N, C-alpha and C. Protein backbone atom coordinates (compact mmCIF):
# COMPACT_ATOMS: atom_id res chain seq x y z
N MET A 1 14.68 11.58 -16.53
CA MET A 1 15.79 10.75 -16.97
C MET A 1 16.89 10.75 -15.92
N LYS A 2 17.09 11.91 -15.26
CA LYS A 2 18.11 11.98 -14.22
C LYS A 2 17.79 11.01 -13.08
N THR A 3 16.49 10.90 -12.72
CA THR A 3 16.09 9.98 -11.66
C THR A 3 16.41 8.55 -12.05
N LEU A 4 16.15 8.18 -13.30
CA LEU A 4 16.44 6.84 -13.78
C LEU A 4 17.93 6.54 -13.71
N LYS A 5 18.75 7.51 -14.14
CA LYS A 5 20.21 7.31 -14.08
C LYS A 5 20.68 7.18 -12.64
N THR A 6 20.11 7.99 -11.74
CA THR A 6 20.46 7.91 -10.32
C THR A 6 20.06 6.56 -9.75
N LEU A 7 18.86 6.09 -10.09
CA LEU A 7 18.40 4.78 -9.61
C LEU A 7 19.30 3.68 -10.13
N PHE A 8 19.65 3.71 -11.42
CA PHE A 8 20.51 2.69 -11.99
C PHE A 8 21.89 2.71 -11.33
N THR A 9 22.44 3.90 -11.10
CA THR A 9 23.73 4.03 -10.42
C THR A 9 23.65 3.45 -9.01
N LEU A 10 22.56 3.73 -8.31
CA LEU A 10 22.37 3.18 -6.96
C LEU A 10 22.29 1.66 -7.01
N LEU A 11 21.53 1.12 -7.96
CA LEU A 11 21.42 -0.34 -8.08
C LEU A 11 22.77 -0.97 -8.40
N LEU A 12 23.54 -0.32 -9.27
CA LEU A 12 24.88 -0.82 -9.59
C LEU A 12 25.78 -0.82 -8.35
N SER A 13 25.72 0.26 -7.57
CA SER A 13 26.60 0.39 -6.42
C SER A 13 26.30 -0.64 -5.34
N PHE A 14 25.06 -1.07 -5.25
CA PHE A 14 24.70 -2.08 -4.25
C PHE A 14 24.79 -3.50 -4.81
N GLY A 15 25.21 -3.64 -6.04
CA GLY A 15 25.35 -4.95 -6.62
C GLY A 15 24.02 -5.57 -7.04
N LEU A 16 22.96 -4.77 -7.10
CA LEU A 16 21.67 -5.29 -7.51
C LEU A 16 21.58 -5.40 -9.02
N VAL A 17 22.43 -4.66 -9.72
CA VAL A 17 22.49 -4.72 -11.16
C VAL A 17 23.94 -4.95 -11.53
N THR A 18 24.17 -5.83 -12.45
CA THR A 18 25.52 -6.06 -12.94
C THR A 18 25.51 -5.83 -14.44
N GLU A 19 26.65 -5.86 -15.02
CA GLU A 19 26.73 -5.64 -16.45
C GLU A 19 26.63 -6.94 -17.23
N SER A 20 26.07 -7.97 -16.62
CA SER A 20 25.88 -9.23 -17.32
C SER A 20 24.52 -9.23 -17.99
N PHE A 21 24.24 -10.30 -18.73
CA PHE A 21 22.96 -10.42 -19.39
C PHE A 21 21.97 -11.19 -18.53
N ALA A 22 22.36 -11.58 -17.33
CA ALA A 22 21.48 -12.33 -16.44
C ALA A 22 20.59 -11.37 -15.67
N GLN A 23 19.77 -10.63 -16.43
CA GLN A 23 18.92 -9.63 -15.80
C GLN A 23 17.49 -9.74 -16.32
N ALA A 24 16.60 -9.21 -15.51
CA ALA A 24 15.20 -9.01 -15.89
C ALA A 24 14.93 -7.53 -15.73
N GLU A 25 13.77 -7.09 -16.14
CA GLU A 25 13.37 -5.70 -15.94
C GLU A 25 12.12 -5.69 -15.07
N LEU A 26 12.09 -4.76 -14.13
CA LEU A 26 10.99 -4.69 -13.17
C LEU A 26 10.49 -3.26 -13.07
N GLN A 27 9.17 -3.11 -13.17
CA GLN A 27 8.52 -1.84 -12.90
C GLN A 27 7.72 -2.02 -11.62
N VAL A 28 7.77 -1.04 -10.73
CA VAL A 28 7.04 -1.09 -9.46
C VAL A 28 5.97 -0.01 -9.48
N ILE A 29 4.75 -0.39 -9.12
CA ILE A 29 3.62 0.53 -9.07
C ILE A 29 3.04 0.50 -7.65
N HIS A 30 2.92 1.66 -7.03
CA HIS A 30 2.36 1.78 -5.68
C HIS A 30 0.87 2.08 -5.82
N ASN A 31 0.03 1.08 -5.56
CA ASN A 31 -1.41 1.25 -5.70
C ASN A 31 -2.14 0.87 -4.41
N SER A 32 -1.45 0.95 -3.29
CA SER A 32 -2.07 0.67 -2.00
C SER A 32 -2.63 1.98 -1.44
N ALA A 33 -3.97 2.05 -1.37
CA ALA A 33 -4.62 3.29 -0.94
C ALA A 33 -4.68 3.45 0.57
N ASP A 34 -4.05 2.57 1.30
CA ASP A 34 -4.04 2.65 2.77
C ASP A 34 -3.31 3.92 3.20
N PRO A 35 -3.97 4.81 3.98
CA PRO A 35 -3.27 6.02 4.44
C PRO A 35 -1.99 5.71 5.22
N ALA A 36 -1.93 4.55 5.87
CA ALA A 36 -0.72 4.18 6.60
C ALA A 36 0.44 3.82 5.67
N ALA A 37 0.13 3.62 4.39
CA ALA A 37 1.16 3.28 3.42
C ALA A 37 1.20 4.30 2.29
N SER A 38 0.80 5.53 2.57
CA SER A 38 0.75 6.54 1.51
C SER A 38 2.13 6.82 0.91
N VAL A 39 3.17 6.70 1.73
CA VAL A 39 4.55 6.84 1.27
C VAL A 39 5.33 5.69 1.88
N VAL A 40 6.06 4.96 1.04
CA VAL A 40 6.81 3.80 1.52
C VAL A 40 8.24 3.84 0.99
N ASP A 41 9.08 3.06 1.63
CA ASP A 41 10.43 2.81 1.13
C ASP A 41 10.47 1.36 0.66
N ILE A 42 11.12 1.13 -0.47
CA ILE A 42 11.23 -0.21 -1.03
C ILE A 42 12.68 -0.66 -0.94
N TYR A 43 12.88 -1.82 -0.33
CA TYR A 43 14.20 -2.41 -0.22
C TYR A 43 14.25 -3.65 -1.11
N ILE A 44 15.33 -3.82 -1.82
CA ILE A 44 15.55 -5.06 -2.57
C ILE A 44 16.83 -5.68 -2.04
N ASN A 45 16.69 -6.89 -1.53
CA ASN A 45 17.80 -7.62 -0.90
C ASN A 45 18.51 -6.78 0.15
N GLY A 46 17.71 -6.06 0.94
CA GLY A 46 18.24 -5.31 2.06
C GLY A 46 18.74 -3.92 1.73
N ASN A 47 18.74 -3.54 0.47
CA ASN A 47 19.24 -2.23 0.06
C ASN A 47 18.08 -1.31 -0.31
N LEU A 48 18.10 -0.09 0.22
CA LEU A 48 17.07 0.88 -0.10
C LEU A 48 17.14 1.19 -1.59
N THR A 49 16.06 0.87 -2.31
CA THR A 49 16.02 1.03 -3.75
C THR A 49 15.12 2.19 -4.16
N LEU A 50 13.97 2.33 -3.48
CA LEU A 50 13.06 3.43 -3.75
C LEU A 50 12.74 4.11 -2.44
N ASN A 51 13.16 5.35 -2.29
CA ASN A 51 12.96 6.11 -1.07
C ASN A 51 11.73 7.01 -1.22
N ASP A 52 10.86 7.00 -0.22
CA ASP A 52 9.67 7.85 -0.22
C ASP A 52 8.84 7.69 -1.50
N PHE A 53 8.49 6.47 -1.78
CA PHE A 53 7.72 6.09 -2.96
C PHE A 53 6.24 6.28 -2.63
N ALA A 54 5.58 7.22 -3.30
CA ALA A 54 4.22 7.63 -2.94
C ALA A 54 3.14 6.85 -3.68
N PHE A 55 1.96 6.83 -3.07
CA PHE A 55 0.77 6.21 -3.66
C PHE A 55 0.56 6.74 -5.08
N ARG A 56 0.31 5.83 -5.99
CA ARG A 56 0.06 6.07 -7.41
C ARG A 56 1.31 6.43 -8.21
N GLU A 57 2.49 6.27 -7.62
CA GLU A 57 3.72 6.46 -8.39
C GLU A 57 4.10 5.14 -9.04
N ALA A 58 4.85 5.24 -10.12
CA ALA A 58 5.36 4.07 -10.82
C ALA A 58 6.78 4.36 -11.28
N THR A 59 7.60 3.34 -11.27
CA THR A 59 8.96 3.47 -11.77
C THR A 59 8.98 3.15 -13.26
N PRO A 60 10.02 3.54 -13.95
CA PRO A 60 10.23 2.98 -15.29
C PRO A 60 10.69 1.53 -15.08
N TYR A 61 10.88 0.78 -16.15
CA TYR A 61 11.46 -0.56 -16.00
C TYR A 61 12.91 -0.40 -15.58
N ILE A 62 13.28 -1.10 -14.52
CA ILE A 62 14.65 -1.03 -14.02
C ILE A 62 15.28 -2.42 -14.11
N PRO A 63 16.55 -2.51 -14.47
CA PRO A 63 17.21 -3.82 -14.53
C PRO A 63 17.46 -4.37 -13.13
N VAL A 64 17.14 -5.64 -12.94
CA VAL A 64 17.37 -6.34 -11.68
C VAL A 64 17.94 -7.72 -11.98
N PRO A 65 18.62 -8.33 -11.02
CA PRO A 65 19.16 -9.66 -11.26
C PRO A 65 18.05 -10.68 -11.51
N SER A 66 18.35 -11.66 -12.34
CA SER A 66 17.40 -12.75 -12.58
C SER A 66 18.03 -14.05 -12.10
N GLY A 67 17.18 -15.06 -11.96
CA GLY A 67 17.67 -16.39 -11.59
C GLY A 67 18.09 -16.52 -10.14
N THR A 68 17.79 -15.53 -9.32
CA THR A 68 18.13 -15.55 -7.91
C THR A 68 16.98 -14.93 -7.12
N ILE A 69 16.84 -15.30 -5.88
CA ILE A 69 15.75 -14.75 -5.08
C ILE A 69 16.01 -13.28 -4.80
N LEU A 70 15.01 -12.45 -5.10
CA LEU A 70 15.03 -11.04 -4.73
C LEU A 70 14.05 -10.88 -3.58
N ASN A 71 14.50 -10.38 -2.47
CA ASN A 71 13.62 -10.13 -1.35
C ASN A 71 13.19 -8.67 -1.42
N ILE A 72 11.91 -8.45 -1.76
CA ILE A 72 11.38 -7.09 -1.87
C ILE A 72 10.72 -6.76 -0.54
N GLY A 73 11.28 -5.76 0.14
CA GLY A 73 10.76 -5.35 1.44
C GLY A 73 10.10 -3.99 1.33
N ILE A 74 8.96 -3.84 2.00
CA ILE A 74 8.23 -2.58 1.99
C ILE A 74 8.18 -2.05 3.41
N ALA A 75 8.64 -0.81 3.57
CA ALA A 75 8.75 -0.19 4.89
C ALA A 75 8.06 1.18 4.87
N PRO A 76 7.74 1.72 6.04
CA PRO A 76 7.19 3.08 6.07
C PRO A 76 8.17 4.07 5.43
N GLY A 77 7.63 5.16 4.92
CA GLY A 77 8.46 6.16 4.25
C GLY A 77 9.54 6.77 5.11
N ASN A 78 9.41 6.66 6.42
CA ASN A 78 10.43 7.22 7.31
C ASN A 78 11.36 6.14 7.85
N SER A 79 11.46 5.02 7.13
CA SER A 79 12.29 3.91 7.62
C SER A 79 13.75 4.32 7.73
N MET A 80 14.43 3.67 8.67
CA MET A 80 15.85 3.93 8.88
C MET A 80 16.71 2.81 8.28
N SER A 81 16.12 1.61 8.12
CA SER A 81 16.87 0.49 7.56
C SER A 81 15.89 -0.59 7.12
N VAL A 82 16.43 -1.63 6.52
CA VAL A 82 15.63 -2.76 6.08
C VAL A 82 14.93 -3.43 7.28
N ASN A 83 15.44 -3.21 8.48
CA ASN A 83 14.82 -3.79 9.68
C ASN A 83 13.44 -3.20 9.94
N ASP A 84 13.09 -2.11 9.28
CA ASP A 84 11.78 -1.47 9.47
C ASP A 84 10.72 -2.00 8.51
N THR A 85 11.06 -2.97 7.67
CA THR A 85 10.09 -3.46 6.69
C THR A 85 8.88 -4.08 7.37
N LEU A 86 7.72 -3.83 6.78
CA LEU A 86 6.45 -4.37 7.26
C LEU A 86 6.09 -5.66 6.54
N VAL A 87 6.49 -5.74 5.28
CA VAL A 87 6.18 -6.88 4.43
C VAL A 87 7.42 -7.22 3.64
N ASN A 88 7.74 -8.50 3.55
CA ASN A 88 8.86 -8.98 2.73
C ASN A 88 8.35 -10.05 1.79
N ILE A 89 8.57 -9.85 0.51
CA ILE A 89 8.07 -10.78 -0.49
C ILE A 89 9.24 -11.27 -1.34
N PRO A 90 9.52 -12.57 -1.30
CA PRO A 90 10.59 -13.11 -2.15
C PRO A 90 10.06 -13.42 -3.55
N VAL A 91 10.81 -13.02 -4.56
CA VAL A 91 10.45 -13.33 -5.95
C VAL A 91 11.72 -13.76 -6.68
N THR A 92 11.54 -14.60 -7.67
CA THR A 92 12.63 -14.98 -8.56
C THR A 92 12.19 -14.66 -9.97
N LEU A 93 12.97 -13.84 -10.66
CA LEU A 93 12.63 -13.39 -12.00
C LEU A 93 13.46 -14.13 -13.03
N VAL A 94 12.90 -14.29 -14.22
CA VAL A 94 13.54 -15.02 -15.31
C VAL A 94 14.32 -14.04 -16.19
N GLN A 95 15.50 -14.48 -16.60
CA GLN A 95 16.37 -13.66 -17.45
C GLN A 95 15.63 -13.16 -18.69
N ASN A 96 15.87 -11.91 -19.03
CA ASN A 96 15.33 -11.25 -20.23
C ASN A 96 13.82 -11.11 -20.23
N GLN A 97 13.17 -11.29 -19.09
CA GLN A 97 11.73 -11.07 -18.99
C GLN A 97 11.46 -9.69 -18.39
N ARG A 98 10.30 -9.16 -18.67
CA ARG A 98 9.89 -7.86 -18.16
C ARG A 98 8.70 -8.08 -17.23
N TYR A 99 8.79 -7.50 -16.02
CA TYR A 99 7.78 -7.71 -14.98
C TYR A 99 7.22 -6.39 -14.47
N VAL A 100 5.99 -6.47 -13.95
CA VAL A 100 5.38 -5.36 -13.23
C VAL A 100 4.98 -5.88 -11.86
N ALA A 101 5.39 -5.17 -10.81
CA ALA A 101 5.01 -5.49 -9.43
C ALA A 101 4.06 -4.40 -8.95
N ILE A 102 2.83 -4.78 -8.60
CA ILE A 102 1.83 -3.81 -8.17
C ILE A 102 1.49 -4.07 -6.71
N ALA A 103 1.75 -3.07 -5.87
CA ALA A 103 1.40 -3.14 -4.46
C ALA A 103 -0.03 -2.64 -4.30
N SER A 104 -0.88 -3.45 -3.65
CA SER A 104 -2.27 -3.04 -3.44
C SER A 104 -2.78 -3.61 -2.12
N GLY A 105 -3.97 -3.18 -1.74
CA GLY A 105 -4.56 -3.64 -0.49
C GLY A 105 -4.17 -2.74 0.67
N VAL A 106 -4.59 -3.15 1.86
CA VAL A 106 -4.33 -2.36 3.07
C VAL A 106 -3.55 -3.20 4.08
N LEU A 107 -2.79 -2.51 4.92
CA LEU A 107 -1.93 -3.21 5.88
C LEU A 107 -2.72 -3.92 6.97
N ASN A 108 -3.80 -3.30 7.44
CA ASN A 108 -4.61 -3.88 8.50
C ASN A 108 -6.08 -3.84 8.08
N PRO A 109 -6.58 -4.90 7.42
CA PRO A 109 -7.95 -4.89 6.91
C PRO A 109 -9.02 -4.66 7.99
N SER A 110 -8.73 -4.99 9.24
CA SER A 110 -9.73 -4.80 10.30
C SER A 110 -10.04 -3.32 10.56
N LEU A 111 -9.21 -2.42 10.07
CA LEU A 111 -9.45 -0.99 10.24
C LEU A 111 -10.37 -0.41 9.16
N PHE A 112 -10.78 -1.26 8.21
CA PHE A 112 -11.57 -0.81 7.08
C PHE A 112 -12.86 -1.63 6.98
N THR A 113 -13.84 -1.07 6.32
CA THR A 113 -15.08 -1.79 6.06
C THR A 113 -14.77 -2.99 5.17
N ALA A 114 -15.40 -4.11 5.46
CA ALA A 114 -15.16 -5.32 4.68
C ALA A 114 -15.62 -5.12 3.24
N ASN A 115 -14.95 -5.76 2.33
CA ASN A 115 -15.32 -5.71 0.93
C ASN A 115 -16.70 -6.37 0.77
N PRO A 116 -17.65 -5.70 0.11
CA PRO A 116 -19.01 -6.26 -0.01
C PRO A 116 -19.07 -7.57 -0.78
N ASN A 117 -18.07 -7.84 -1.59
CA ASN A 117 -18.04 -9.10 -2.34
C ASN A 117 -17.15 -10.14 -1.68
N ALA A 118 -16.76 -9.87 -0.44
CA ALA A 118 -15.92 -10.77 0.35
C ALA A 118 -14.54 -11.00 -0.27
N VAL A 119 -14.10 -10.08 -1.10
CA VAL A 119 -12.76 -10.16 -1.69
C VAL A 119 -11.76 -9.72 -0.62
N PRO A 120 -10.71 -10.49 -0.38
CA PRO A 120 -9.72 -10.07 0.62
C PRO A 120 -9.09 -8.73 0.26
N THR A 121 -8.89 -7.88 1.27
CA THR A 121 -8.33 -6.55 1.03
C THR A 121 -6.96 -6.38 1.67
N GLY A 122 -6.39 -7.45 2.19
CA GLY A 122 -5.06 -7.37 2.80
C GLY A 122 -4.00 -7.00 1.78
N PHE A 123 -2.91 -6.45 2.29
CA PHE A 123 -1.82 -6.00 1.42
C PHE A 123 -1.27 -7.16 0.61
N GLN A 124 -0.98 -6.89 -0.66
CA GLN A 124 -0.34 -7.89 -1.50
C GLN A 124 0.55 -7.22 -2.54
N LEU A 125 1.50 -7.96 -3.01
CA LEU A 125 2.35 -7.52 -4.11
C LEU A 125 2.15 -8.52 -5.23
N SER A 126 1.49 -8.09 -6.29
CA SER A 126 1.23 -8.96 -7.43
C SER A 126 2.32 -8.73 -8.47
N VAL A 127 2.97 -9.79 -8.87
CA VAL A 127 4.03 -9.69 -9.86
C VAL A 127 3.56 -10.41 -11.13
N SER A 128 3.52 -9.67 -12.23
CA SER A 128 3.09 -10.22 -13.52
C SER A 128 4.26 -10.18 -14.49
N ASP A 129 4.34 -11.20 -15.34
CA ASP A 129 5.44 -11.26 -16.30
C ASP A 129 4.94 -11.05 -17.73
N ASN A 130 5.87 -11.13 -18.66
CA ASN A 130 5.61 -10.96 -20.09
C ASN A 130 4.98 -9.60 -20.42
N MET A 131 5.45 -8.57 -19.74
CA MET A 131 4.95 -7.21 -19.98
C MET A 131 5.60 -6.64 -21.24
N ARG A 132 4.91 -5.72 -21.87
CA ARG A 132 5.42 -5.05 -23.06
C ARG A 132 5.60 -3.57 -22.78
N ILE A 133 6.47 -2.94 -23.55
CA ILE A 133 6.61 -1.49 -23.46
C ILE A 133 5.96 -0.80 -24.64
N ALA A 134 5.47 -1.58 -25.60
CA ALA A 134 4.78 -1.03 -26.77
C ALA A 134 3.67 -1.98 -27.16
N SER A 135 2.64 -1.43 -27.80
CA SER A 135 1.52 -2.22 -28.26
C SER A 135 1.95 -3.13 -29.41
N LEU A 136 1.30 -4.27 -29.53
CA LEU A 136 1.53 -5.14 -30.68
C LEU A 136 0.87 -4.56 -31.94
N ASN A 137 -0.10 -3.70 -31.73
CA ASN A 137 -0.82 -3.04 -32.82
C ASN A 137 -0.25 -1.64 -32.99
N GLN A 138 0.45 -1.36 -34.05
CA GLN A 138 1.10 -0.09 -34.29
C GLN A 138 0.11 1.08 -34.32
N ALA A 139 -1.17 0.81 -34.59
CA ALA A 139 -2.17 1.86 -34.68
C ALA A 139 -2.65 2.31 -33.30
N LYS A 140 -2.27 1.58 -32.26
CA LYS A 140 -2.75 1.92 -30.91
C LYS A 140 -1.64 2.34 -30.02
């Protein structure tokens, strides 16, 4: 809980979260098994938001601005600034929606064996909306 409060305070201080209702919620999941991306830093609109974010870690849902472009930058875990980002993905989120962003794939597919089903293995950030925090079925 302390980490969540610290993250929210950091987002507030950088103006990434405001006390308005024009917000969405975003969960970030690091699922890129590339050893070169085992630990990354995540920048949102140029501000370090997640420092040393490790493979298979996930954040809770965090409030982020909606209705405006969010530039999500992914940098090596030892980055010094947003200028070190390897990948920048712009997204626009809808107010009062809940999203999950899953980072997967590898940074340089030529360093790995090709997927036998010819599925691309390059790095991607998949953003899905209409996420829930509880099952619709109370028994599950």
